[in-house]
Amino acid sequence: MSDYLKKCFDEARINGLILRNRLIKAATFEGKSPNGIPGESHIRLHERMGEGGIALTTVGYCAAESDGRINENMIYMHDGIKPQLQQLIARVHATGAKVSGQLSHCGNFTKSKAFSGRGLFSGKRPMGPSFGINSLGMAYGLPFTGAMTVAEIKDRVKVFGRAAAFMKSTGFDAIEIHFGHGYGISQFISPRTNKRTDEYGGSLANRMRFALEVLEEVRKNVGDDFPLLGKISMTDGVKGGVHWNDSVEIASMLDKGGLDCVICSAGTSSMNPMIMFHGDNMLPNLIKNEKSPIMKLGMKMVGPKLFRDYPYKENYLLEHARRIREKVGNQVCYIGGVCSNDSIEALMKEGFDFIQLGRPLFFDPDFPNNAKADVNYVNGCTHCNECAGLIEAEGGVRCVLNEHFS
C-alpha cells in the first residue's frame, strides 16, 4: 500500500474528533423517515455504514425547524425524535464509526401545501431572500416565495443555533452545515435567487452575510472544539448563479469564519441537480415515482431543461476542488466520482483531508473495509443513478443492483 493510501486509512482528526480513517458517508436524504420520524430502516442504513468501515456517517437533511423541510417525511430537530436519533447514534457508535448531522433549511424551496394541509407549515408561504417562484410548490398550491425581513433573517439565524445545540445534546459527533445545492442558505449566496438591495444582497460579501451569521451562531452554540463541516456548491450550474470562480472566495470566507472543513460539491437541486451526480440521467425514474399528477406533468415538460446530461468520470469535480484546496487553510473534503483506490490515492496526493462517498456506498457499504484490504479495489457502482430516483418511492433510496440494508 502506498503512503497516500495509507494516509487515507490511518486515523485522522476534525477539530476535537478522532476518526478511524478519512472516508465519510455523504449526506443524502434516503426517504426512510416517514412522517419525519427516523425508522428502523433509516437507523439500520447508518449502522450498516459503520459496519462497513466508514469513519463518519452523515444523517442527511436534518432540518433546523419544521418549516425548513421540503416535505413532511424529512426530519427536523426537536425533542419528539430525540430517542430515535439517540438510538441511531448509539448503534453507529457500537461499530466504531462516528455520526454527523447535516443541518439544513429549505428556505423557499418546499412542497408547501403538504405542510399547511397537515398543520406543520406555520407560515403563509415559504420564505427566502427575495420574492420569487417556488418551483417545487407549484403543484401543491403555493407557487410563490416571500422575501424575508431583516428581523426574520435574524430569527432564522437563531433557529439554526438552537437546532445545533439540540444536535450536540442528542449526541451527534459533528455537524455539517448545508451551504449549497440551492437550499435556504445557498439562496442567499446565489445572485440568481438573491435580489436584495440591503446589507444581505448585492456583493458577494453581502450575500455571504447570512451564511457567516449562521456559522457564527452555530459555533456559539456548540463550542470551539466541536467539529463543523460545511457543504458548498462550487457552481450553481446556471446562468446568473454562483460561478466556479466565486467558490474559492466563498470557501475562504467560511474558513476565516471558523469552519473546520469545507466540502466541495456543485449544483442546485432546483435548477441543475445532475451536475452534482454525473452519470445516467435520473429524470425518468423521478417522473415514475412522483405521486402528484400535476408535478409529474410539469417534470415531463420542463425536466429535460433542468436535468442535463453529464457523463461520468472518476473525480469529476477535482479540477475546481483543487483550487479551493490550494487557497484555504482549513481542512477540505472532496466529493464527486470516487469509486476506486486509484481515485483515493490521487486525492490524497492532491492534499485533500477527507473524501465523501455517496452512491458507491449504496452499492457496497463495505467499500472502506474492502478498499483497505485490496489495493486494487474498484467499486462496482455503474452510476445509473437509479438510487437517487427512488427518493419518493416506497421504502426510499436503495441500490437496484445490490441490497445490503435488510
Protein backbone atom coordinates (compact mmCIF):
# COMPACT_ATOMS: atom_id res chain seq x y z
CA MET A 1 0.00 0.00 0.00
CA SER A 2 1.35 3.43 -0.97
CA ASP A 3 1.89 6.17 1.59
CA TYR A 4 -1.06 8.06 0.11
CA LEU A 5 -3.45 5.13 0.53
CA LYS A 6 -2.07 4.54 4.00
CA LYS A 7 -2.84 8.18 4.79
CA CYS A 8 -6.50 7.60 3.86
CA PHE A 9 -6.89 4.55 6.09
CA ASP A 10 -4.97 5.89 9.09
CA GLU A 11 -6.64 7.84 11.91
CA ALA A 12 -7.50 11.47 11.23
CA ARG A 13 -8.95 14.37 13.18
CA ILE A 14 -11.53 17.08 12.57
CA ASN A 15 -11.18 19.65 15.33
CA GLY A 16 -11.63 17.62 18.54
CA LEU A 17 -12.96 14.47 16.86
CA ILE A 18 -10.73 11.48 16.06
CA LEU A 19 -11.85 9.36 13.10
CA ARG A 20 -10.59 5.89 12.20
CA ASN A 21 -9.96 6.88 8.56
CA ARG A 22 -10.66 9.70 6.12
CA LEU A 23 -13.79 8.30 4.43
CA ILE A 24 -17.16 9.93 5.19
CA LYS A 25 -20.64 8.91 4.12
CA ALA A 26 -22.11 11.85 2.24
CA ALA A 27 -25.34 13.43 3.45
CA THR A 28 -28.16 12.01 1.36
CA PHE A 29 -31.88 12.10 2.04
CA GLU A 30 -32.93 8.48 1.67
CA GLY A 31 -36.69 8.73 2.26
CA LYS A 32 -36.59 6.40 5.27
CA SER A 33 -38.15 8.66 7.89
CA PRO A 34 -41.93 8.55 7.27
CA ASN A 35 -43.78 11.46 8.86
CA GLY A 36 -40.42 12.88 9.92
CA ILE A 37 -39.58 10.00 12.28
CA PRO A 38 -36.36 8.01 11.77
CA GLY A 39 -37.46 4.43 11.23
CA GLU A 40 -35.63 1.14 11.67
CA SER A 41 -34.53 1.12 8.03
CA HIS A 42 -33.07 4.62 8.48
CA ILE A 43 -31.18 3.57 11.60
CA ARG A 44 -30.05 0.31 10.03
CA LEU A 45 -28.67 2.09 6.96
CA HIS A 46 -26.28 4.17 9.06
CA GLU A 47 -25.40 1.23 11.30
CA ARG A 48 -24.55 -0.77 8.17
CA MET A 49 -22.27 2.03 7.00
CA GLY A 50 -20.44 1.81 10.30
CA GLU A 51 -20.09 -1.94 9.97
CA GLY A 52 -18.58 -1.40 6.54
CA GLY A 53 -15.76 0.70 7.96
CA ILE A 54 -16.86 4.26 7.25
CA ALA A 55 -15.30 6.74 9.69
CA LEU A 56 -18.16 9.24 9.83
CA THR A 57 -21.70 8.67 8.58
CA THR A 58 -23.80 11.76 7.86
CA VAL A 59 -27.53 11.84 8.56
CA GLY A 60 -28.81 13.82 5.60
CA TYR A 61 -31.12 16.79 5.80
CA CYS A 62 -31.63 17.50 9.49
CA ALA A 63 -33.93 20.49 9.10
CA ALA A 64 -33.40 23.29 11.61
CA GLU A 65 -37.19 23.64 12.08
CA SER A 66 -40.40 22.14 10.73
CA ASP A 67 -40.72 24.86 8.09
CA GLY A 68 -37.21 24.01 6.95
CA ARG A 69 -38.30 20.71 5.43
CA ILE A 70 -39.06 20.04 1.78
CA ASN A 71 -41.72 17.51 2.69
CA GLU A 72 -43.26 16.03 5.81
CA ASN A 73 -41.10 12.89 5.61
CA MET A 74 -37.94 14.80 6.40
CA ILE A 75 -36.79 15.04 9.99
CA TYR A 76 -36.42 18.29 11.87
CA MET A 77 -34.60 18.92 15.10
CA HIS A 78 -37.00 18.63 18.05
CA ASP A 79 -37.40 16.58 21.21
CA GLY A 80 -40.04 14.31 19.66
CA ILE A 81 -37.41 12.37 17.69
CA LYS A 82 -34.57 12.56 20.19
CA PRO A 83 -34.94 8.91 21.31
CA GLN A 84 -34.77 7.64 17.72
CA LEU A 85 -31.74 9.79 16.93
CA GLN A 86 -30.00 8.63 20.09
CA GLN A 87 -30.69 5.02 19.14
CA LEU A 88 -29.21 5.64 15.68
CA ILE A 89 -26.11 7.26 17.17
CA ALA A 90 -25.63 4.50 19.76
CA ARG A 91 -25.85 1.75 17.16
CA VAL A 92 -23.40 3.51 14.86
CA HIS A 93 -21.00 4.14 17.76
CA ALA A 94 -21.07 0.42 18.54
CA THR A 95 -19.49 -0.19 15.12
CA GLY A 96 -16.61 2.20 15.82
CA ALA A 97 -17.90 4.94 13.50
CA LYS A 98 -19.00 8.48 14.36
CA VAL A 99 -22.16 10.36 13.37
CA SER A 100 -22.63 13.78 11.81
CA GLY A 101 -25.92 15.52 11.04
CA GLN A 102 -26.45 17.77 8.04
CA LEU A 103 -28.05 20.93 9.43
CA SER A 104 -30.29 22.31 6.70
CA HIS A 105 -33.18 24.59 5.81
CA CYS A 106 -35.15 24.54 2.58
CA GLY A 107 -35.78 28.28 2.57
CA ASN A 108 -38.09 28.96 -0.36
CA PHE A 109 -37.88 25.51 -1.98
CA THR A 110 -40.59 23.30 -0.48
CA LYS A 111 -43.78 21.38 -1.09
CA SER A 112 -45.62 23.97 0.95
CA LYS A 113 -49.16 22.65 0.74
CA ALA A 114 -48.10 19.35 2.26
CA PHE A 115 -47.18 21.31 5.37
CA SER A 116 -50.10 23.70 5.50
CA GLY A 117 -52.58 20.87 4.90
CA ARG A 118 -51.21 18.94 7.86
CA GLY A 119 -50.76 21.94 10.14
CA LEU A 120 -46.99 21.61 10.07
CA PHE A 121 -46.09 24.65 8.00
CA SER A 122 -46.50 27.74 10.16
CA GLY A 123 -46.05 30.43 7.51
CA LYS A 124 -48.37 31.54 4.73
CA ARG A 125 -45.68 30.78 2.19
CA PRO A 126 -42.04 29.62 2.20
CA MET A 127 -39.62 32.47 2.82
CA GLY A 128 -36.24 33.21 1.26
CA PRO A 129 -34.06 36.18 0.43
CA SER A 130 -36.35 37.55 -2.29
CA PHE A 131 -39.82 37.25 -3.76
CA GLY A 132 -39.85 34.56 -6.42
CA ILE A 133 -41.21 31.29 -7.72
CA ASN A 134 -41.30 28.15 -5.59
CA SER A 135 -40.95 25.64 -8.43
CA LEU A 136 -41.41 22.68 -6.12
CA GLY A 137 -44.58 24.14 -4.60
CA MET A 138 -46.47 24.88 -7.80
CA ALA A 139 -48.30 21.58 -7.75
CA TYR A 140 -49.07 21.96 -4.05
CA GLY A 141 -50.90 25.28 -4.02
CA LEU A 142 -48.20 27.83 -3.14
CA PRO A 143 -46.18 28.79 -6.22
CA PHE A 144 -44.64 31.95 -4.76
CA THR A 145 -41.99 32.64 -2.14
CA GLY A 146 -41.80 35.64 0.16
CA ALA A 147 -38.88 37.94 0.89
CA MET A 148 -37.68 37.81 4.49
CA THR A 149 -37.35 40.96 6.54
CA VAL A 150 -34.10 41.62 8.35
CA ALA A 151 -35.83 40.68 11.61
CA GLU A 152 -36.92 37.36 10.08
CA ILE A 153 -33.39 36.71 8.90
CA LYS A 154 -32.08 37.29 12.42
CA ASP A 155 -34.74 34.93 13.77
CA ARG A 156 -33.73 32.20 11.33
CA VAL A 157 -30.10 32.56 12.38
CA LYS A 158 -31.26 31.82 15.93
CA VAL A 159 -33.23 28.82 14.65
CA PHE A 160 -30.01 27.33 13.28
CA GLY A 161 -28.27 27.94 16.59
CA ARG A 162 -30.99 26.24 18.62
CA ALA A 163 -31.01 23.26 16.25
CA ALA A 164 -27.23 22.93 16.54
CA ALA A 165 -27.44 22.95 20.34
CA PHE A 166 -30.12 20.24 20.16
CA MET A 167 -27.94 18.11 17.87
CA LYS A 168 -24.96 18.33 20.20
CA SER A 169 -27.13 17.48 23.21
CA THR A 170 -28.54 14.49 21.34
CA GLY A 171 -25.09 13.02 20.81
CA PHE A 172 -24.07 13.91 17.28
CA ASP A 173 -20.27 13.93 16.97
CA ALA A 174 -20.19 16.64 14.29
CA ILE A 175 -22.46 18.92 12.28
CA GLU A 176 -22.36 19.56 8.55
CA ILE A 177 -23.99 22.90 7.72
CA HIS A 178 -25.61 22.86 4.29
CA PHE A 179 -24.47 26.00 2.46
CA GLY A 180 -25.17 24.61 -1.02
CA HIS A 181 -27.45 22.91 -3.55
CA GLY A 182 -29.98 25.74 -3.76
CA TYR A 183 -31.38 25.35 -0.25
CA GLY A 184 -32.01 28.05 2.32
CA ILE A 185 -28.51 29.41 2.95
CA SER A 186 -27.47 28.88 -0.66
CA GLN A 187 -30.41 31.02 -1.78
CA PHE A 188 -28.78 33.99 -0.07
CA ILE A 189 -25.34 33.23 -1.51
CA SER A 190 -26.52 32.91 -5.12
CA PRO A 191 -27.19 36.08 -7.15
CA ARG A 192 -29.71 34.02 -9.11
CA THR A 193 -32.05 33.84 -6.11
CA ASN A 194 -30.88 36.81 -4.02
CA LYS A 195 -32.14 40.11 -5.48
CA ARG A 196 -31.93 42.11 -2.25
CA THR A 197 -30.57 45.63 -2.18
CA ASP A 198 -29.88 45.83 1.57
CA GLU A 199 -26.91 44.52 3.58
CA TYR A 200 -27.87 40.92 2.69
CA GLY A 201 -27.75 41.40 -1.09
CA GLY A 202 -25.60 42.73 -3.88
CA SER A 203 -21.90 42.00 -3.42
CA LEU A 204 -20.63 38.54 -2.56
CA ALA A 205 -19.64 39.82 0.87
CA ASN A 206 -23.23 40.91 1.49
CA ARG A 207 -24.71 37.72 0.05
CA MET A 208 -22.45 35.72 2.38
CA ARG A 209 -23.58 37.67 5.43
CA PHE A 210 -26.41 35.28 6.33
CA ALA A 211 -24.18 32.22 5.89
CA LEU A 212 -21.48 33.68 8.11
CA GLU A 213 -24.03 34.71 10.76
CA VAL A 214 -25.39 31.15 10.77
CA LEU A 215 -21.88 29.77 11.12
CA GLU A 216 -21.13 32.14 13.99
CA GLU A 217 -24.39 31.28 15.79
CA VAL A 218 -23.88 27.54 15.36
CA ARG A 219 -20.32 27.80 16.64
CA LYS A 220 -21.52 29.77 19.66
CA ASN A 221 -23.99 27.01 20.49
CA VAL A 222 -21.66 24.02 20.11
CA GLY A 223 -18.32 25.36 21.34
CA ASP A 224 -14.89 25.81 19.84
CA ASP A 225 -13.83 22.14 19.92
CA PHE A 226 -16.94 20.71 18.21
CA PRO A 227 -16.37 19.74 14.54
CA LEU A 228 -18.21 21.87 12.00
CA LEU A 229 -18.14 20.91 8.34
CA GLY A 230 -19.87 22.86 5.59
CA LYS A 231 -21.03 21.81 2.13
CA ILE A 232 -20.87 24.43 -0.61
CA SER A 233 -21.84 24.50 -4.27
CA MET A 234 -18.77 25.47 -6.26
CA THR A 235 -21.19 26.43 -9.02
CA ASP A 236 -24.97 26.63 -9.30
CA GLY A 237 -24.62 25.38 -12.85
CA VAL A 238 -27.00 28.03 -14.22
CA LYS A 239 -26.61 31.44 -15.80
CA GLY A 240 -26.61 34.22 -13.22
CA GLY A 241 -25.80 31.90 -10.33
CA VAL A 242 -22.70 31.15 -8.31
CA HIS A 243 -19.74 30.56 -10.63
CA TRP A 244 -16.74 28.31 -10.18
CA ASN A 245 -14.59 31.38 -9.58
CA ASP A 246 -16.87 32.57 -6.75
CA SER A 247 -16.43 29.33 -4.85
CA VAL A 248 -12.82 29.99 -3.91
CA GLU A 249 -13.81 33.20 -2.17
CA ILE A 250 -16.88 31.57 -0.60
CA ALA A 251 -14.68 28.84 0.86
CA SER A 252 -12.17 31.42 2.07
CA MET A 253 -14.87 33.41 3.87
CA LEU A 254 -16.14 30.28 5.62
CA ASP A 255 -12.58 29.33 6.50
CA LYS A 256 -12.00 32.72 8.13
CA GLY A 257 -15.42 32.43 9.79
CA GLY A 258 -14.32 29.38 11.74
CA LEU A 259 -15.47 26.41 9.65
CA ASP A 260 -13.31 23.34 10.31
CA CYS A 261 -13.77 21.59 6.96
CA VAL A 262 -15.29 22.68 3.65
CA ILE A 263 -16.93 20.09 1.37
CA CYS A 264 -16.62 20.96 -2.32
CA SER A 265 -19.83 19.97 -4.09
CA ALA A 266 -21.70 21.55 -7.02
CA GLY A 267 -25.14 22.17 -8.49
CA THR A 268 -28.61 23.04 -7.26
CA SER A 269 -31.50 20.68 -6.57
CA SER A 270 -33.97 23.14 -8.08
CA MET A 271 -32.11 24.28 -11.21
CA ASN A 272 -29.34 21.85 -12.17
CA PRO A 273 -29.21 18.73 -9.98
CA MET A 274 -27.31 16.43 -12.34
CA ILE A 275 -24.09 18.42 -12.09
CA MET A 276 -23.64 17.03 -8.56
CA PHE A 277 -24.17 13.43 -9.72
CA HIS A 278 -22.82 12.77 -13.25
CA GLY A 279 -23.78 9.52 -14.94
CA ASP A 280 -27.16 8.37 -16.28
CA ASN A 281 -29.98 10.88 -16.12
CA MET A 282 -32.27 10.33 -13.14
CA LEU A 283 -35.28 12.21 -14.57
CA PRO A 284 -37.19 9.16 -15.92
CA ASN A 285 -37.12 7.44 -12.56
CA LEU A 286 -38.11 10.62 -10.71
CA ILE A 287 -41.13 11.01 -13.01
CA LYS A 288 -42.04 7.36 -12.49
CA ASN A 289 -42.08 7.73 -8.71
CA GLU A 290 -43.68 11.20 -8.48
CA LYS A 291 -47.05 10.94 -6.71
CA SER A 292 -48.61 14.24 -7.85
CA PRO A 293 -50.11 14.07 -11.37
CA ILE A 294 -49.60 17.82 -11.78
CA MET A 295 -45.97 17.60 -10.69
CA LYS A 296 -45.45 14.58 -12.94
CA LEU A 297 -46.74 16.55 -15.94
CA GLY A 298 -44.57 19.53 -15.06
CA MET A 299 -41.48 17.34 -14.78
CA LYS A 300 -42.18 15.85 -18.20
CA MET A 301 -42.49 19.35 -19.69
CA VAL A 302 -39.57 21.20 -18.09
CA GLY A 303 -37.50 18.37 -16.68
CA PRO A 304 -35.25 17.93 -19.73
CA LYS A 305 -34.08 21.54 -19.36
CA LEU A 306 -33.26 21.09 -15.68
CA PHE A 307 -31.84 17.56 -15.75
CA ARG A 308 -28.89 17.94 -18.09
CA ASP A 309 -26.52 15.19 -19.11
CA TYR A 310 -23.07 14.95 -17.51
CA PRO A 311 -21.09 11.85 -18.48
CA TYR A 312 -19.46 10.11 -15.53
CA LYS A 313 -15.74 10.11 -14.95
CA GLU A 314 -13.67 9.49 -11.84
CA ASN A 315 -13.04 12.53 -9.61
CA TYR A 316 -15.19 14.71 -11.87
CA LEU A 317 -15.06 17.77 -9.59
CA LEU A 318 -11.32 17.63 -8.95
CA GLU A 319 -10.27 20.48 -11.23
CA HIS A 320 -12.33 23.01 -9.29
CA ALA A 321 -11.98 21.47 -5.81
CA ARG A 322 -8.22 21.63 -6.25
CA ARG A 323 -8.38 25.44 -6.40
CA ILE A 324 -10.10 25.53 -3.02
CA ARG A 325 -7.59 23.09 -1.54
CA GLU A 326 -4.80 25.42 -2.68
CA LYS A 327 -6.49 28.53 -1.27
CA VAL A 328 -7.89 27.78 2.19
CA GLY A 329 -6.13 26.95 5.42
CA ASN A 330 -8.83 24.76 6.93
CA GLN A 331 -9.47 21.13 6.05
CA VAL A 332 -11.05 20.27 2.70
CA CYS A 333 -13.26 17.29 1.90
CA TYR A 334 -13.60 16.09 -1.69
CA ILE A 335 -16.82 14.64 -3.11
CA GLY A 336 -17.67 13.51 -6.63
CA GLY A 337 -16.76 10.34 -8.50
CA VAL A 338 -14.66 8.29 -6.10
CA CYS A 339 -15.05 4.60 -6.93
CA SER A 340 -11.57 3.10 -6.66
CA ASN A 341 -8.34 3.15 -4.71
CA ASP A 342 -6.74 4.88 -7.69
CA SER A 343 -9.12 7.80 -7.13
CA ILE A 344 -8.47 7.81 -3.38
CA GLU A 345 -4.72 7.77 -3.93
CA ALA A 346 -4.92 10.69 -6.38
CA LEU A 347 -6.98 12.77 -3.93
CA MET A 348 -4.68 12.09 -1.00
CA LYS A 349 -1.75 13.09 -3.22
CA GLU A 350 -3.58 16.36 -4.02
CA GLY A 351 -3.72 17.11 -0.28
CA PHE A 352 -7.41 16.61 0.45
CA ASP A 353 -8.10 15.76 4.07
CA PHE A 354 -11.28 13.72 3.68
CA ILE A 355 -13.40 12.09 0.99
CA GLN A 356 -17.19 11.83 0.97
CA LEU A 357 -18.84 8.82 -0.67
CA GLY A 358 -22.47 8.54 -1.70
CA ARG A 359 -23.72 6.20 -4.42
CA PRO A 360 -20.77 3.76 -4.16
CA LEU A 361 -21.69 3.08 -0.52
CA PHE A 362 -25.20 2.05 -1.50
CA PHE A 363 -23.71 -0.40 -3.97
CA ASP A 364 -21.10 -1.64 -1.48
CA PRO A 365 -21.41 -0.43 2.13
CA ASP A 366 -18.20 -2.36 2.83
CA PHE A 367 -16.30 -0.02 0.50
CA PRO A 368 -13.93 1.25 3.25
CA ASN A 369 -13.08 -2.21 4.56
CA ASN A 370 -12.76 -3.69 1.09
CA ALA A 371 -10.62 -0.83 -0.18
CA LYS A 372 -8.33 -1.10 2.81
CA ALA A 373 -7.91 -4.82 2.26
CA ASP A 374 -7.32 -4.68 -1.52
CA VAL A 375 -5.03 -2.04 -3.04
CA ASN A 376 -6.64 -2.75 -6.44
CA TYR A 377 -10.19 -2.22 -5.16
CA VAL A 378 -12.71 -0.92 -7.70
CA ASN A 379 -16.29 -0.28 -6.61
CA GLY A 380 -18.97 -1.77 -8.87
CA CYS A 381 -21.36 1.22 -8.94
CA THR A 382 -22.46 1.83 -12.54
CA HIS A 383 -23.57 5.43 -11.85
CA CYS A 384 -27.01 4.59 -13.24
CA ASN A 385 -28.49 6.98 -10.63
CA GLU A 386 -31.50 4.71 -10.19
CA CYS A 387 -30.95 5.02 -6.44
CA ALA A 388 -31.40 8.80 -6.47
CA GLY A 389 -34.58 8.47 -8.50
CA LEU A 390 -36.15 6.44 -5.68
CA ILE A 391 -36.18 9.32 -3.20
CA GLU A 392 -40.01 9.47 -3.30
CA ALA A 393 -40.56 5.73 -3.81
CA GLU A 394 -41.92 3.28 -1.26
CA GLY A 395 -39.10 2.28 1.06
CA GLY A 396 -36.85 5.09 -0.11
CA VAL A 397 -33.43 5.06 -1.70
CA ARG A 398 -31.67 1.77 -2.35
CA CYS A 399 -29.24 0.29 -4.84
CA VAL A 400 -31.19 -1.52 -7.55
CA LEU A 401 -28.20 -3.75 -8.28
CA ASN A 402 -27.45 -4.87 -4.71
CA GLU A 403 -29.45 -4.90 -1.48
CA HIS A 404 -27.39 -4.51 1.68
CA PHE A 405 -29.58 -2.98 4.36
CA SER A 406 -32.11 -5.64 5.33
